């Protein structure tokens, strides 16, 4: 929350999962670290896929605008 925006969500996802898993089972920190790493990897993967899909939609949109630019401008 106190770190800059791009890093806050990454640190928050990792530390929140790690703290939650550590509270659930105080003896197995290796498992908590593995769960936190998986959570961070899932967040990064989903953000990358969402960005790629949004980029494809933006390219398709601008191709259609370019195709019909006589009607728009």
C-alpha atoms as a PDB file:
ATOM      1  CA  UNK A   1       0.000   0.000   0.000  1.00  0.00           C
ATOM      2  CA  UNK A   2       2.850   2.384   0.738  1.00  0.00           C
ATOM      3  CA  UNK A   3       5.007   1.413  -2.223  1.00  0.00           C
ATOM      4  CA  UNK A   4       4.560   2.893  -5.698  1.00  0.00           C
ATOM      5  CA  UNK A   5       1.545   1.647  -7.647  1.00  0.00           C
ATOM      6  CA  UNK A   6       3.121  -0.965  -9.977  1.00  0.00           C
ATOM      7  CA  UNK A   7       5.088  -2.557  -7.184  1.00  0.00           C
ATOM      8  CA  UNK A   8       2.403  -2.320  -4.515  1.00  0.00           C
ATOM      9  CA  UNK A   9       0.129  -4.833  -6.182  1.00  0.00           C
ATOM     10  CA  UNK A  10       3.029  -7.248  -6.730  1.00  0.00           C
ATOM     11  CA  UNK A  11       4.318  -6.959  -3.181  1.00  0.00           C
ATOM     12  CA  UNK A  12       0.773  -7.103  -1.807  1.00  0.00           C
ATOM     13  CA  UNK A  13      -0.124 -10.259  -3.721  1.00  0.00           C
ATOM     14  CA  UNK A  14       3.036 -12.017  -2.595  1.00  0.00           C
ATOM     15  CA  UNK A  15       3.091 -10.839   1.020  1.00  0.00           C
ATOM     16  CA  UNK A  16      -0.657 -11.304   1.521  1.00  0.00           C
ATOM     17  CA  UNK A  17      -0.500 -14.893   0.383  1.00  0.00           C
ATOM     18  CA  UNK A  18       2.638 -15.559   2.393  1.00  0.00           C
ATOM     19  CA  UNK A  19       1.177 -14.075   5.582  1.00  0.00           C
ATOM     20  CA  UNK A  20      -2.119 -15.901   5.098  1.00  0.00           C
ATOM     21  CA  UNK A  21      -0.425 -19.246   4.566  1.00  0.00           C
ATOM     22  CA  UNK A  22       1.915 -18.646   7.495  1.00  0.00           C
ATOM     23  CA  UNK A  23      -1.048 -17.898   9.762  1.00  0.00           C
ATOM     24  CA  UNK A  24      -2.753 -21.065   8.549  1.00  0.00           C
ATOM     25  CA  UNK A  25       0.276 -23.310   9.229  1.00  0.00           C
ATOM     26  CA  UNK A  26       3.046 -21.698  11.264  1.00  0.00           C
ATOM     27  CA  UNK A  27       5.467 -24.620  10.925  1.00  0.00           C
ATOM     28  CA  UNK A  28       5.690 -24.914   7.135  1.00  0.00           C
ATOM     29  CA  UNK A  29       7.142 -21.691   5.698  1.00  0.00           C
ATOM     30  CA  UNK A  30       8.437 -23.504   2.617  1.00  0.00           C
ATOM     31  CA  UNK A  31       4.841 -24.284   1.650  1.00  0.00           C
ATOM     32  CA  UNK A  32       3.838 -20.682   2.322  1.00  0.00           C
ATOM     33  CA  UNK A  33       6.639 -19.399   0.090  1.00  0.00           C
ATOM     34  CA  UNK A  34       5.616 -21.819  -2.664  1.00  0.00           C
ATOM     35  CA  UNK A  35       1.990 -20.666  -2.448  1.00  0.00           C
ATOM     36  CA  UNK A  36       3.033 -17.004  -2.494  1.00  0.00           C
ATOM     37  CA  UNK A  37       5.249 -17.581  -5.522  1.00  0.00           C
ATOM     38  CA  UNK A  38       2.379 -19.308  -7.310  1.00  0.00           C
ATOM     39  CA  UNK A  39       0.064 -16.440  -6.481  1.00  0.00           C
ATOM     40  CA  UNK A  40       2.542 -13.911  -7.862  1.00  0.00           C
ATOM     41  CA  UNK A  41       3.115 -15.988 -10.998  1.00  0.00           C
ATOM     42  CA  UNK A  42      -0.641 -16.281 -11.540  1.00  0.00           C
ATOM     43  CA  UNK A  43      -1.098 -12.537 -11.154  1.00  0.00           C
ATOM     44  CA  UNK A  44       1.667 -11.766 -13.653  1.00  0.00           C
ATOM     45  CA  UNK A  45       0.404 -14.352 -16.141  1.00  0.00           C
ATOM     46  CA  UNK A  46      -3.178 -13.139 -16.007  1.00  0.00           C
ATOM     47  CA  UNK A  47      -2.105  -9.505 -16.371  1.00  0.00           C
ATOM     48  CA  UNK A  48       0.025 -10.382 -19.399  1.00  0.00           C
ATOM     49  CA  UNK A  49      -2.816 -12.281 -21.073  1.00  0.00           C
ATOM     50  CA  UNK A  50      -5.284  -9.461 -20.381  1.00  0.00           C
ATOM     51  CA  UNK A  51      -2.851  -6.925 -21.850  1.00  0.00           C
ATOM     52  CA  UNK A  52      -2.345  -9.045 -24.976  1.00  0.00           C
ATOM     53  CA  UNK A  53      -6.100  -9.420 -25.527  1.00  0.00           C
ATOM     54  CA  UNK A  54      -6.641  -5.684 -25.021  1.00  0.00           C
ATOM     55  CA  UNK A  55      -3.866  -4.952 -27.508  1.00  0.00           C
ATOM     56  CA  UNK A  56      -5.462  -7.225 -30.114  1.00  0.00           C
ATOM     57  CA  UNK A  57      -8.823  -5.517 -29.639  1.00  0.00           C
ATOM     58  CA  UNK A  58      -7.200  -2.081 -29.936  1.00  0.00           C
ATOM     59  CA  UNK A  59      -5.458  -3.055 -33.180  1.00  0.00           C
ATOM     60  CA  UNK A  60      -8.714  -4.421 -34.615  1.00  0.00           C
ATOM     61  CA  UNK A  61     -10.545  -1.263 -33.579  1.00  0.00           C
ATOM     62  CA  UNK A  62      -8.002   1.044 -35.201  1.00  0.00           C
ATOM     63  CA  UNK A  63      -7.992  -1.076 -38.357  1.00  0.00           C
ATOM     64  CA  UNK A  64     -11.764  -0.596 -38.650  1.00  0.00           C
ATOM     65  CA  UNK A  65     -11.469   3.130 -37.949  1.00  0.00           C
ATOM     66  CA  UNK A  66      -8.783   3.399 -40.640  1.00  0.00           C
ATOM     67  CA  UNK A  67     -10.962   1.434 -43.061  1.00  0.00           C
ATOM     68  CA  UNK A  68     -13.917   3.785 -42.568  1.00  0.00           C
ATOM     69  CA  UNK A  69     -11.991   7.008 -41.920  1.00  0.00           C
ATOM     70  CA  UNK A  70     -13.891   8.818 -44.698  1.00  0.00           C
ATOM     71  CA  UNK A  71     -17.136   8.502 -42.748  1.00  0.00           C
ATOM     72  CA  UNK A  72     -15.560   9.611 -39.476  1.00  0.00           C
ATOM     73  CA  UNK A  73     -13.466  12.567 -40.574  1.00  0.00           C
END
